[in-house]
Amino acid sequence: MTDGRKDPLSSLGVVAIVATIAQVILSSKLGIAYAIPTTIVGCVMLAIALKGPLGRAIAMRLEGKTAGESLPPEQVFGEIDELKNRVAELEERVDFSERLIASRKHDAPMDPDRS
């Protein structure tokens, strides 16, 4: 990358290499009773992680696409406009609820026992 930021996938690769080296060292020191279960658990966790968004991001990266190419800009802007409209509607509902609560407190008669 030319803008000075580190590539997250290269960082992920470094973490994977360090984890593999740690697994090999611990397996050689602790024996097969440690190596087999931890390797199986690690492989299952890796498979689950790669089926999700991380796997899709890696696949897009390998294809040469960037994250911004996943949706056309018109669709993204449309979704942003829709979210703005929903937020505005929620603001109106909150304002109405606040006015309603305030009017009920104002209209409620004073309880003589609560002086």
PDB file of N, CA and C in Angstrom:
ATOM      1  N   MET A   1       0.846  -1.174   0.000  1.00  0.00           N
ATOM      2  CA  MET A   1       0.000   0.000   0.000  1.00  0.00           C
ATOM      3  C   MET A   1       0.890   1.235   0.000  1.00  0.00           C
ATOM      4  N   THR A   2       0.501   2.201  -0.760  1.00  0.00           N
ATOM      5  CA  THR A   2       1.348   3.376  -0.891  1.00  0.00           C
ATOM      6  C   THR A   2       0.970   4.498   0.059  1.00  0.00           C
ATOM      7  N   ASP A   3      -0.160   4.400   0.747  1.00  0.00           N
ATOM      8  CA  ASP A   3      -0.592   5.487   1.627  1.00  0.00           C
ATOM      9  C   ASP A   3      -0.071   5.354   3.053  1.00  0.00           C
ATOM     10  N   GLY A   4       0.829   4.423   3.334  1.00  0.00           N
ATOM     11  CA  GLY A   4       1.443   4.309   4.643  1.00  0.00           C
ATOM     12  C   GLY A   4       0.721   3.385   5.603  1.00  0.00           C
ATOM     13  N   ARG A   5      -0.450   2.881   5.238  1.00  0.00           N
ATOM     14  CA  ARG A   5      -1.177   1.965   6.117  1.00  0.00           C
ATOM     15  C   ARG A   5      -0.699   0.538   5.883  1.00  0.00           C
ATOM     16  N   LYS A   6      -0.736  -0.251   6.955  1.00  0.00           N
ATOM     17  CA  LYS A   6      -0.359  -1.653   6.817  1.00  0.00           C
ATOM     18  C   LYS A   6      -1.533  -2.435   6.250  1.00  0.00           C
ATOM     19  N   ASP A   7      -1.196  -3.445   5.491  1.00  0.00           N
ATOM     20  CA  ASP A   7      -2.206  -4.315   4.928  1.00  0.00           C
ATOM     21  C   ASP A   7      -2.694  -5.273   6.013  1.00  0.00           C
ATOM     22  N   PRO A   8      -4.006  -5.294   6.316  1.00  0.00           N
ATOM     23  CA  PRO A   8      -4.495  -6.172   7.378  1.00  0.00           C
ATOM     24  C   PRO A   8      -4.249  -7.647   7.083  1.00  0.00           C
ATOM     25  N   LEU A   9      -4.264  -8.030   5.815  1.00  0.00           N
ATOM     26  CA  LEU A   9      -4.048  -9.434   5.497  1.00  0.00           C
ATOM     27  C   LEU A   9      -2.601  -9.848   5.736  1.00  0.00           C
ATOM     28  N   SER A  10      -1.647  -8.945   5.542  1.00  0.00           N
ATOM     29  CA  SER A  10      -0.263  -9.300   5.846  1.00  0.00           C
ATOM     30  C   SER A  10      -0.085  -9.428   7.356  1.00  0.00           C
ATOM     31  N   SER A  11      -0.771  -8.589   8.114  1.00  0.00           N
ATOM     32  CA  SER A  11      -0.726  -8.713   9.574  1.00  0.00           C
ATOM     33  C   SER A  11      -1.339 -10.036  10.016  1.00  0.00           C
ATOM     34  N   LEU A  12      -2.426 -10.427   9.369  1.00  0.00           N
ATOM     35  CA  LEU A  12      -3.058 -11.706   9.671  1.00  0.00           C
ATOM     36  C   LEU A  12      -2.117 -12.856   9.355  1.00  0.00           C
ATOM     37  N   GLY A  13      -1.377 -12.748   8.273  1.00  0.00           N
ATOM     38  CA  GLY A  13      -0.400 -13.776   7.916  1.00  0.00           C
ATOM     39  C   GLY A  13       0.698 -13.898   8.942  1.00  0.00           C
ATOM     40  N   VAL A  14       1.183 -12.770   9.452  1.00  0.00           N
ATOM     41  CA  VAL A  14       2.223 -12.794  10.483  1.00  0.00           C
ATOM     42  C   VAL A  14       1.687 -13.457  11.752  1.00  0.00           C
ATOM     43  N   VAL A  15       0.464 -13.120  12.139  1.00  0.00           N
ATOM     44  CA  VAL A  15      -0.141 -13.738  13.325  1.00  0.00           C
ATOM     45  C   VAL A  15      -0.287 -15.242  13.120  1.00  0.00           C
ATOM     46  N   ALA A  16      -0.690 -15.668  11.936  1.00  0.00           N
ATOM     47  CA  ALA A  16      -0.843 -17.098  11.657  1.00  0.00           C
ATOM     48  C   ALA A  16       0.495 -17.817  11.744  1.00  0.00           C
ATOM     49  N   ILE A  17       1.550 -17.205  11.236  1.00  0.00           N
ATOM     50  CA  ILE A  17       2.880 -17.828  11.300  1.00  0.00           C
ATOM     51  C   ILE A  17       3.348 -17.947  12.744  1.00  0.00           C
ATOM     52  N   VAL A  18       3.173 -16.893  13.523  1.00  0.00           N
ATOM     53  CA  VAL A  18       3.583 -16.926  14.935  1.00  0.00           C
ATOM     54  C   VAL A  18       2.775 -17.980  15.694  1.00  0.00           C
ATOM     55  N   ALA A  19       1.472 -18.065  15.432  1.00  0.00           N
ATOM     56  CA  ALA A  19       0.635 -19.056  16.106  1.00  0.00           C
ATOM     57  C   ALA A  19       1.054 -20.474  15.727  1.00  0.00           C
ATOM     58  N   THR A  20       1.407 -20.694  14.474  1.00  0.00           N
ATOM     59  CA  THR A  20       1.847 -22.013  14.027  1.00  0.00           C
ATOM     60  C   THR A  20       3.161 -22.400  14.703  1.00  0.00           C
ATOM     61  N   ILE A  21       4.104 -21.458  14.772  1.00  0.00           N
ATOM     62  CA  ILE A  21       5.381 -21.728  15.435  1.00  0.00           C
ATOM     63  C   ILE A  21       5.151 -22.039  16.915  1.00  0.00           C
ATOM     64  N   ALA A  22       4.275 -21.275  17.576  1.00  0.00           N
ATOM     65  CA  ALA A  22       3.971 -21.525  18.988  1.00  0.00           C
ATOM     66  C   ALA A  22       3.340 -22.902  19.160  1.00  0.00           C
ATOM     67  N   GLN A  23       2.447 -23.287  18.253  1.00  0.00           N
ATOM     68  CA  GLN A  23       1.802 -24.596  18.322  1.00  0.00           C
ATOM     69  C   GLN A  23       2.833 -25.709  18.171  1.00  0.00           C
ATOM     70  N   VAL A  24       3.764 -25.568  17.254  1.00  0.00           N
ATOM     71  CA  VAL A  24       4.787 -26.596  17.046  1.00  0.00           C
ATOM     72  C   VAL A  24       5.682 -26.714  18.275  1.00  0.00           C
ATOM     73  N   ILE A  25       6.094 -25.582  18.833  1.00  0.00           N
ATOM     74  CA  ILE A  25       6.972 -25.615  20.013  1.00  0.00           C
ATOM     75  C   ILE A  25       6.252 -26.249  21.200  1.00  0.00           C
ATOM     76  N   LEU A  26       5.010 -25.791  21.458  1.00  0.00           N
ATOM     77  CA  LEU A  26       4.266 -26.359  22.584  1.00  0.00           C
ATOM     78  C   LEU A  26       3.959 -27.837  22.378  1.00  0.00           C
ATOM     79  N   SER A  27       3.656 -28.227  21.153  1.00  0.00           N
ATOM     80  CA  SER A  27       3.361 -29.633  20.874  1.00  0.00           C
ATOM     81  C   SER A  27       4.584 -30.510  21.107  1.00  0.00           C
ATOM     82  N   SER A  28       5.764 -30.012  20.720  1.00  0.00           N
ATOM     83  CA  SER A  28       6.971 -30.812  20.934  1.00  0.00           C
ATOM     84  C   SER A  28       7.319 -30.916  22.420  1.00  0.00           C
ATOM     85  N   LYS A  29       7.009 -29.883  23.197  1.00  0.00           N
ATOM     86  CA  LYS A  29       7.322 -29.909  24.632  1.00  0.00           C
ATOM     87  C   LYS A  29       6.274 -30.676  25.434  1.00  0.00           C
ATOM     88  N   LEU A  30       4.978 -30.506  25.091  1.00  0.00           N
ATOM     89  CA  LEU A  30       3.902 -31.090  25.900  1.00  0.00           C
ATOM     90  C   LEU A  30       3.419 -32.445  25.392  1.00  0.00           C
ATOM     91  N   GLY A  31       3.756 -32.811  24.199  1.00  0.00           N
ATOM     92  CA  GLY A  31       3.429 -34.135  23.693  1.00  0.00           C
ATOM     93  C   GLY A  31       2.152 -34.198  22.893  1.00  0.00           C
ATOM     94  N   ILE A  32       1.828 -35.421  22.498  1.00  0.00           N
ATOM     95  CA  ILE A  32       0.699 -35.659  21.598  1.00  0.00           C
ATOM     96  C   ILE A  32      -0.645 -35.404  22.282  1.00  0.00           C
ATOM     97  N   ALA A  33      -0.695 -35.546  23.602  1.00  0.00           N
ATOM     98  CA  ALA A  33      -1.951 -35.299  24.330  1.00  0.00           C
ATOM     99  C   ALA A  33      -2.358 -33.833  24.235  1.00  0.00           C
ATOM    100  N   TYR A  34      -1.416 -32.958  24.009  1.00  0.00           N
ATOM    101  CA  TYR A  34      -1.709 -31.536  23.795  1.00  0.00           C
ATOM    102  C   TYR A  34      -1.908 -31.244  22.313  1.00  0.00           C
ATOM    103  N   ALA A  35      -1.089 -31.835  21.473  1.00  0.00           N
ATOM    104  CA  ALA A  35      -1.039 -31.480  20.058  1.00  0.00           C
ATOM    105  C   ALA A  35      -2.326 -31.798  19.309  1.00  0.00           C
ATOM    106  N   ILE A  36      -2.856 -32.997  19.520  1.00  0.00           N
ATOM    107  CA  ILE A  36      -4.025 -33.413  18.731  1.00  0.00           C
ATOM    108  C   ILE A  36      -5.258 -32.562  19.042  1.00  0.00           C
ATOM    109  N   PRO A  37      -5.680 -32.410  20.306  1.00  0.00           N
ATOM    110  CA  PRO A  37      -6.900 -31.613  20.559  1.00  0.00           C
ATOM    111  C   PRO A  37      -6.753 -30.145  20.161  1.00  0.00           C
ATOM    112  N   THR A  38      -5.601 -29.549  20.452  1.00  0.00           N
ATOM    113  CA  THR A  38      -5.458 -28.135  20.119  1.00  0.00           C
ATOM    114  C   THR A  38      -5.387 -27.901  18.620  1.00  0.00           C
ATOM    115  N   THR A  39      -4.803 -28.841  17.893  1.00  0.00           N
ATOM    116  CA  THR A  39      -4.755 -28.712  16.433  1.00  0.00           C
ATOM    117  C   THR A  39      -6.157 -28.853  15.851  1.00  0.00           C
ATOM    118  N   ILE A  40      -6.921 -29.795  16.364  1.00  0.00           N
ATOM    119  CA  ILE A  40      -8.300 -29.974  15.863  1.00  0.00           C
ATOM    120  C   ILE A  40      -9.133 -28.728  16.160  1.00  0.00           C
ATOM    121  N   VAL A  41      -9.060 -28.224  17.394  1.00  0.00           N
ATOM    122  CA  VAL A  41      -9.820 -27.022  17.762  1.00  0.00           C
ATOM    123  C   VAL A  41      -9.382 -25.840  16.916  1.00  0.00           C
ATOM    124  N   GLY A  42      -8.098 -25.689  16.706  1.00  0.00           N
ATOM    125  CA  GLY A  42      -7.588 -24.585  15.880  1.00  0.00           C
ATOM    126  C   GLY A  42      -8.075 -24.670  14.448  1.00  0.00           C
ATOM    127  N   CYS A  43      -8.073 -25.867  13.880  1.00  0.00           N
ATOM    128  CA  CYS A  43      -8.544 -26.036  12.497  1.00  0.00           C
ATOM    129  C   CYS A  43     -10.038 -25.747  12.376  1.00  0.00           C
ATOM    130  N   VAL A  44     -10.822 -26.188  13.352  1.00  0.00           N
ATOM    131  CA  VAL A  44     -12.263 -25.909  13.332  1.00  0.00           C
ATOM    132  C   VAL A  44     -12.507 -24.407  13.444  1.00  0.00           C
ATOM    133  N   MET A  45     -11.788 -23.746  14.349  1.00  0.00           N
ATOM    134  CA  MET A  45     -11.953 -22.296  14.502  1.00  0.00           C
ATOM    135  C   MET A  45     -11.556 -21.560  13.218  1.00  0.00           C
ATOM    136  N   LEU A  46     -10.480 -22.002  12.575  1.00  0.00           N
ATOM    137  CA  LEU A  46     -10.047 -21.388  11.324  1.00  0.00           C
ATOM    138  C   LEU A  46     -11.097 -21.571  10.231  1.00  0.00           C
ATOM    139  N   ALA A  47     -11.663 -22.779  10.144  1.00  0.00           N
ATOM    140  CA  ALA A  47     -12.691 -23.034   9.132  1.00  0.00           C
ATOM    141  C   ALA A  47     -13.918 -22.162   9.354  1.00  0.00           C
ATOM    142  N   ILE A  48     -14.336 -22.006  10.610  1.00  0.00           N
ATOM    143  CA  ILE A  48     -15.493 -21.154  10.910  1.00  0.00           C
ATOM    144  C   ILE A  48     -15.190 -19.701  10.564  1.00  0.00           C
ATOM    145  N   ALA A  49     -13.999 -19.250  10.907  1.00  0.00           N
ATOM    146  CA  ALA A  49     -13.630 -17.859  10.623  1.00  0.00           C
ATOM    147  C   ALA A  49     -13.577 -17.595   9.128  1.00  0.00           C
ATOM    148  N   LEU A  50     -13.068 -18.544   8.361  1.00  0.00           N
ATOM    149  CA  LEU A  50     -12.929 -18.334   6.915  1.00  0.00           C
ATOM    150  C   LEU A  50     -14.251 -18.444   6.175  1.00  0.00           C
ATOM    151  N   LYS A  51     -15.280 -19.015   6.795  1.00  0.00           N
ATOM    152  CA  LYS A  51     -16.595 -19.069   6.150  1.00  0.00           C
ATOM    153  C   LYS A  51     -17.344 -17.748   6.275  1.00  0.00           C
ATOM    154  N   GLY A  52     -16.921 -16.889   7.164  1.00  0.00           N
ATOM    155  CA  GLY A  52     -17.618 -15.639   7.424  1.00  0.00           C
ATOM    156  C   GLY A  52     -17.052 -14.481   6.624  1.00  0.00           C
ATOM    157  N   PRO A  53     -17.220 -13.264   7.151  1.00  0.00           N
ATOM    158  CA  PRO A  53     -16.774 -12.063   6.455  1.00  0.00           C
ATOM    159  C   PRO A  53     -15.261 -12.024   6.221  1.00  0.00           C
ATOM    160  N   LEU A  54     -14.506 -12.621   7.123  1.00  0.00           N
ATOM    161  CA  LEU A  54     -13.061 -12.651   6.943  1.00  0.00           C
ATOM    162  C   LEU A  54     -12.689 -13.438   5.692  1.00  0.00           C
ATOM    163  N   GLY A  55     -13.315 -14.572   5.504  1.00  0.00           N
ATOM    164  CA  GLY A  55     -13.057 -15.378   4.311  1.00  0.00           C
ATOM    165  C   GLY A  55     -13.449 -14.656   3.039  1.00  0.00           C
ATOM    166  N   ARG A  56     -14.587 -13.957   3.074  1.00  0.00           N
ATOM    167  CA  ARG A  56     -15.000 -13.193   1.897  1.00  0.00           C
ATOM    168  C   ARG A  56     -14.016 -12.061   1.601  1.00  0.00           C
ATOM    169  N   ALA A  57     -13.523 -11.413   2.669  1.00  0.00           N
ATOM    170  CA  ALA A  57     -12.553 -10.328   2.474  1.00  0.00           C
ATOM    171  C   ALA A  57     -11.262 -10.857   1.873  1.00  0.00           C
ATOM    172  N   ILE A  58     -10.819 -12.004   2.348  1.00  0.00           N
ATOM    173  CA  ILE A  58      -9.597 -12.595   1.796  1.00  0.00           C
ATOM    174  C   ILE A  58      -9.814 -13.000   0.351  1.00  0.00           C
ATOM    175  N   ALA A  59     -10.967 -13.576   0.042  1.00  0.00           N
ATOM    176  CA  ALA A  59     -11.258 -13.970  -1.338  1.00  0.00           C
ATOM    177  C   ALA A  59     -11.308 -12.756  -2.262  1.00  0.00           C
ATOM    178  N   MET A  60     -11.943 -11.676  -1.797  1.00  0.00           N
ATOM    179  CA  MET A  60     -11.989 -10.458  -2.621  1.00  0.00           C
ATOM    180  C   MET A  60     -10.589  -9.909  -2.841  1.00  0.00           C
ATOM    181  N   ARG A  61      -9.761  -9.970  -1.797  1.00  0.00           N
ATOM    182  CA  ARG A  61      -8.400  -9.458  -1.904  1.00  0.00           C
ATOM    183  C   ARG A  61      -7.592 -10.285  -2.906  1.00  0.00           C
ATOM    184  N   LEU A  62      -7.770 -11.606  -2.868  1.00  0.00           N
ATOM    185  CA  LEU A  62      -7.059 -12.473  -3.797  1.00  0.00           C
ATOM    186  C   LEU A  62      -7.514 -12.253  -5.238  1.00  0.00           C
ATOM    187  N   GLU A  63      -8.783 -11.869  -5.420  1.00  0.00           N
ATOM    188  CA  GLU A  63      -9.294 -11.575  -6.755  1.00  0.00           C
ATOM    189  C   GLU A  63      -8.861 -10.196  -7.239  1.00  0.00           C
ATOM    190  N   GLY A  64      -8.289  -9.396  -6.352  1.00  0.00           N
ATOM    191  CA  GLY A  64      -7.830  -8.066  -6.740  1.00  0.00           C
ATOM    192  C   GLY A  64      -8.859  -6.980  -6.528  1.00  0.00           C
ATOM    193  N   LYS A  65      -9.946  -7.300  -5.847  1.00  0.00           N
ATOM    194  CA  LYS A  65     -10.977  -6.304  -5.576  1.00  0.00           C
ATOM    195  C   LYS A  65     -10.715  -5.650  -4.235  1.00  0.00           C
ATOM    196  N   THR A  66     -11.272  -4.461  -4.052  1.00  0.00           N
ATOM    197  CA  THR A  66     -11.207  -3.808  -2.754  1.00  0.00           C
ATOM    198  C   THR A  66     -12.588  -3.843  -2.124  1.00  0.00           C
ATOM    199  N   ALA A  67     -12.667  -3.496  -0.855  1.00  0.00           N
ATOM    200  CA  ALA A  67     -13.945  -3.547  -0.130  1.00  0.00           C
ATOM    201  C   ALA A  67     -14.950  -2.573  -0.719  1.00  0.00           C
ATOM    202  N   GLY A  68     -14.498  -1.459  -1.267  1.00  0.00           N
ATOM    203  CA  GLY A  68     -15.392  -0.463  -1.830  1.00  0.00           C
ATOM    204  C   GLY A  68     -16.072  -0.916  -3.098  1.00  0.00           C
ATOM    205  N   GLU A  69     -15.548  -1.958  -3.732  1.00  0.00           N
ATOM    206  CA  GLU A  69     -16.116  -2.433  -4.985  1.00  0.00           C
ATOM    207  C   GLU A  69     -17.268  -3.401  -4.784  1.00  0.00           C
ATOM    208  N   SER A  70     -17.566  -3.760  -3.531  1.00  0.00           N
ATOM    209  CA  SER A  70     -18.586  -4.766  -3.298  1.00  0.00           C
ATOM    210  C   SER A  70     -19.992  -4.270  -3.625  1.00  0.00           C
ATOM    211  N   LEU A  71     -20.275  -2.989  -3.419  1.00  0.00           N
ATOM    212  CA  LEU A  71     -21.580  -2.419  -3.746  1.00  0.00           C
ATOM    213  C   LEU A  71     -21.385  -1.233  -4.679  1.00  0.00           C
ATOM    214  N   PRO A  72     -22.279  -1.070  -5.638  1.00  0.00           N
ATOM    215  CA  PRO A  72     -22.174   0.115  -6.492  1.00  0.00           C
ATOM    216  C   PRO A  72     -22.459   1.374  -5.677  1.00  0.00           C
ATOM    217  N   PRO A  73     -21.798   2.484  -5.999  1.00  0.00           N
ATOM    218  CA  PRO A  73     -21.986   3.714  -5.209  1.00  0.00           C
ATOM    219  C   PRO A  73     -23.439   4.173  -5.141  1.00  0.00           C
ATOM    220  N   GLU A  74     -24.204   3.983  -6.206  1.00  0.00           N
ATOM    221  CA  GLU A  74     -25.607   4.412  -6.192  1.00  0.00           C
ATOM    222  C   GLU A  74     -26.378   3.659  -5.113  1.00  0.00           C
ATOM    223  N   GLN A  75     -26.101   2.367  -4.967  1.00  0.00           N
ATOM    224  CA  GLN A  75     -26.802   1.574  -3.966  1.00  0.00           C
ATOM    225  C   GLN A  75     -26.386   1.998  -2.558  1.00  0.00           C
ATOM    226  N   VAL A  76     -25.114   2.286  -2.373  1.00  0.00           N
ATOM    227  CA  VAL A  76     -24.638   2.725  -1.066  1.00  0.00           C
ATOM    228  C   VAL A  76     -25.283   4.046  -0.687  1.00  0.00           C
ATOM    229  N   PHE A  77     -25.306   4.996  -1.630  1.00  0.00           N
ATOM    230  CA  PHE A  77     -25.922   6.290  -1.346  1.00  0.00           C
ATOM    231  C   PHE A  77     -27.420   6.139  -1.100  1.00  0.00           C
ATOM    232  N   GLY A  78     -28.062   5.223  -1.802  1.00  0.00           N
ATOM    233  CA  GLY A  78     -29.477   4.966  -1.566  1.00  0.00           C
ATOM    234  C   GLY A  78     -29.731   4.437  -0.165  1.00  0.00           C
ATOM    235  N   GLU A  79     -28.865   3.526   0.278  1.00  0.00           N
ATOM    236  CA  GLU A  79     -29.008   2.985   1.624  1.00  0.00           C
ATOM    237  C   GLU A  79     -28.759   4.062   2.672  1.00  0.00           C
ATOM    238  N   ILE A  80     -27.805   4.944   2.427  1.00  0.00           N
ATOM    239  CA  ILE A  80     -27.535   6.040   3.360  1.00  0.00           C
ATOM    240  C   ILE A  80     -28.738   6.964   3.444  1.00  0.00           C
ATOM    241  N   ASP A  81     -29.337   7.298   2.312  1.00  0.00           N
ATOM    242  CA  ASP A  81     -30.531   8.148   2.314  1.00  0.00           C
ATOM    243  C   ASP A  81     -31.676   7.484   3.083  1.00  0.00           C
ATOM    244  N   GLU A  82     -31.845   6.180   2.875  1.00  0.00           N
ATOM    245  CA  GLU A  82     -32.897   5.461   3.593  1.00  0.00           C
ATOM    246  C   GLU A  82     -32.651   5.504   5.105  1.00  0.00           C
ATOM    247  N   LEU A  83     -31.406   5.317   5.517  1.00  0.00           N
ATOM    248  CA  LEU A  83     -31.081   5.376   6.946  1.00  0.00           C
ATOM    249  C   LEU A  83     -31.296   6.771   7.512  1.00  0.00           C
ATOM    250  N   LYS A  84     -30.980   7.809   6.731  1.00  0.00           N
ATOM    251  CA  LYS A  84     -31.218   9.185   7.188  1.00  0.00           C
ATOM    252  C   LYS A  84     -32.711   9.412   7.404  1.00  0.00           C
ATOM    253  N   ASN A  85     -33.531   8.914   6.489  1.00  0.00           N
ATOM    254  CA  ASN A  85     -34.980   9.067   6.627  1.00  0.00           C
ATOM    255  C   ASN A  85     -35.493   8.337   7.873  1.00  0.00           C
ATOM    256  N   ARG A  86     -34.958   7.149   8.123  1.00  0.00           N
ATOM    257  CA  ARG A  86     -35.391   6.397   9.299  1.00  0.00           C
ATOM    258  C   ARG A  86     -34.978   7.105  10.583  1.00  0.00           C
ATOM    259  N   VAL A  87     -33.781   7.682  10.615  1.00  0.00           N
ATOM    260  CA  VAL A  87     -33.334   8.416  11.801  1.00  0.00           C
ATOM    261  C   VAL A  87     -34.215   9.639  12.021  1.00  0.00           C
ATOM    262  N   ALA A  88     -34.556  10.347  10.947  1.00  0.00           N
ATOM    263  CA  ALA A  88     -35.419  11.525  11.079  1.00  0.00           C
ATOM    264  C   ALA A  88     -36.789  11.124  11.625  1.00  0.00           C
ATOM    265  N   GLU A  89     -37.326  10.005  11.140  1.00  0.00           N
ATOM    266  CA  GLU A  89     -38.614   9.528  11.640  1.00  0.00           C
ATOM    267  C   GLU A  89     -38.524   9.166  13.118  1.00  0.00           C
ATOM    268  N   LEU A  90     -37.440   8.535  13.521  1.00  0.00           N
ATOM    269  CA  LEU A  90     -37.268   8.184  14.933  1.00  0.00           C
ATOM    270  C   LEU A  90     -37.133   9.425  15.798  1.00  0.00           C
ATOM    271  N   GLU A  91     -36.463  10.455  15.287  1.00  0.00           N
ATOM    272  CA  GLU A  91     -36.358  11.712  16.034  1.00  0.00           C
ATOM    273  C   GLU A  91     -37.732  12.322  16.256  1.00  0.00           C
ATOM    274  N   GLU A  92     -38.580  12.284  15.222  1.00  0.00           N
ATOM    275  CA  GLU A  92     -39.929  12.820  15.361  1.00  0.00           C
ATOM    276  C   GLU A  92     -40.721  12.022  16.410  1.00  0.00           C
ATOM    277  N   ARG A  93     -40.575  10.717  16.406  1.00  0.00           N
ATOM    278  CA  ARG A  93     -41.282   9.891  17.382  1.00  0.00           C
ATOM    279  C   ARG A  93     -40.816  10.189  18.807  1.00  0.00           C
ATOM    280  N   VAL A  94     -39.510  10.362  18.985  1.00  0.00           N
ATOM    281  CA  VAL A  94     -38.982  10.672  20.314  1.00  0.00           C
ATOM    282  C   VAL A  94     -39.500  12.029  20.772  1.00  0.00           C
ATOM    283  N   ASP A  95     -39.483  13.029  19.883  1.00  0.00           N
ATOM    284  CA  ASP A  95     -40.001  14.351  20.239  1.00  0.00           C
ATOM    285  C   ASP A  95     -41.468  14.271  20.642  1.00  0.00           C
ATOM    286  N   PHE A  96     -42.264  13.521  19.871  1.00  0.00           N
ATOM    287  CA  PHE A  96     -43.677  13.368  20.197  1.00  0.00           C
ATOM    288  C   PHE A  96     -43.842  12.700  21.559  1.00  0.00           C
ATOM    289  N   SER A  97     -43.064  11.642  21.805  1.00  0.00           N
ATOM    290  CA  SER A  97     -43.158  10.935  23.094  1.00  0.00           C
ATOM    291  C   SER A  97     -42.781  11.855  24.246  1.00  0.00           C
ATOM    292  N   GLU A  98     -41.738  12.649  24.064  1.00  0.00           N
ATOM    293  CA  GLU A  98     -41.330  13.583  25.117  1.00  0.00           C
ATOM    294  C   GLU A  98     -42.415  14.616  25.395  1.00  0.00           C
ATOM    295  N   ARG A  99     -43.038  15.144  24.335  1.00  0.00           N
ATOM    296  CA  ARG A  99     -44.121  16.123  24.528  1.00  0.00           C
ATOM    297  C   ARG A  99     -45.309  15.477  25.221  1.00  0.00           C
ATOM    298  N   LEU A 100     -45.625  14.256  24.863  1.00  0.00           N
ATOM    299  CA  LEU A 100     -46.747  13.547  25.460  1.00  0.00           C
ATOM    300  C   LEU A 100     -46.495  13.299  26.947  1.00  0.00           C
ATOM    301  N   ILE A 101     -45.307  12.871  27.285  1.00  0.00           N
ATOM    302  CA  ILE A 101     -44.963  12.627  28.691  1.00  0.00           C
ATOM    303  C   ILE A 101     -44.983  13.935  29.473  1.00  0.00           C
ATOM    304  N   ALA A 102     -44.438  14.993  28.878  1.00  0.00           N
ATOM    305  CA  ALA A 102     -44.421  16.287  29.561  1.00  0.00           C
ATOM    306  C   ALA A 102     -45.841  16.804  29.780  1.00  0.00           C
ATOM    307  N   SER A 103     -46.738  16.627  28.812  1.00  0.00           N
ATOM    308  CA  SER A 103     -48.108  17.113  28.975  1.00  0.00           C
ATOM    309  C   SER A 103     -48.848  16.295  30.028  1.00  0.00           C
ATOM    310  N   ARG A 104     -48.577  15.015  30.131  1.00  0.00           N
ATOM    311  CA  ARG A 104     -49.218  14.183  31.157  1.00  0.00           C
ATOM    312  C   ARG A 104     -48.746  14.589  32.541  1.00  0.00           C
ATOM    313  N   LYS A 105     -47.471  14.906  32.685  1.00  0.00           N
ATOM    314  CA  LYS A 105     -46.963  15.347  33.986  1.00  0.00           C
ATOM    315  C   LYS A 105     -47.566  16.690  34.361  1.00  0.00           C
ATOM    316  N   HIS A 106     -47.734  17.564  33.375  1.00  0.00           N
ATOM    317  CA  HIS A 106     -48.284  18.894  33.621  1.00  0.00           C
ATOM    318  C   HIS A 106     -49.774  18.820  33.951  1.00  0.00           C
ATOM    319  N   ASP A 107     -50.514  17.933  33.269  1.00  0.00           N
ATOM    320  CA  ASP A 107     -51.961  17.823  33.472  1.00  0.00           C
ATOM    321  C   ASP A 107     -52.338  16.978  34.685  1.00  0.00           C
ATOM    322  N   ALA A 108     -51.436  16.188  35.214  1.00  0.00           N
ATOM    323  CA  ALA A 108     -51.766  15.298  36.327  1.00  0.00           C
ATOM    324  C   ALA A 108     -52.032  16.125  37.578  1.00  0.00           C
ATOM    325  N   PRO A 109     -53.124  15.802  38.286  1.00  0.00           N
ATOM    326  CA  PRO A 109     -53.422  16.543  39.511  1.00  0.00           C
ATOM    327  C   PRO A 109     -52.409  16.176  40.602  1.00  0.00           C
ATOM    328  N   MET A 110     -52.183  17.115  41.460  1.00  0.00           N
ATOM    329  CA  MET A 110     -51.251  16.896  42.575  1.00  0.00           C
ATOM    330  C   MET A 110     -51.899  15.953  43.585  1.00  0.00           C
ATOM    331  N   ASP A 111     -51.199  14.972  44.007  1.00  0.00           N
ATOM    332  CA  ASP A 111     -51.671  14.025  45.006  1.00  0.00           C
ATOM    333  C   ASP A 111     -51.465  14.670  46.368  1.00  0.00           C
ATOM    334  N   PRO A 112     -52.527  14.842  47.173  1.00  0.00           N
ATOM    335  CA  PRO A 112     -52.366  15.516  48.461  1.00  0.00           C
ATOM    336  C   PRO A 112     -51.444  14.750  49.421  1.00  0.00           C
ATOM    337  N   ASP A 113     -51.346  13.463  49.257  1.00  0.00           N
ATOM    338  CA  ASP A 113     -50.491  12.663  50.136  1.00  0.00           C
ATOM    339  C   ASP A 113     -49.023  12.816  49.792  1.00  0.00           C
ATOM    340  N   ARG A 114     -48.672  13.339  48.615  1.00  0.00           N
ATOM    341  CA  ARG A 114     -47.285  13.409  48.155  1.00  0.00           C
ATOM    342  C   ARG A 114     -46.696  14.801  48.338  1.00  0.00           C
ATOM    343  N   SER A 115     -47.156  15.592  49.261  1.00  0.00           N
ATOM    344  CA  SER A 115     -46.682  16.956  49.454  1.00  0.00           C
ATOM    345  C   SER A 115     -45.256  17.028  49.853  1.00  0.00           C
TER     346      SER A 115
END
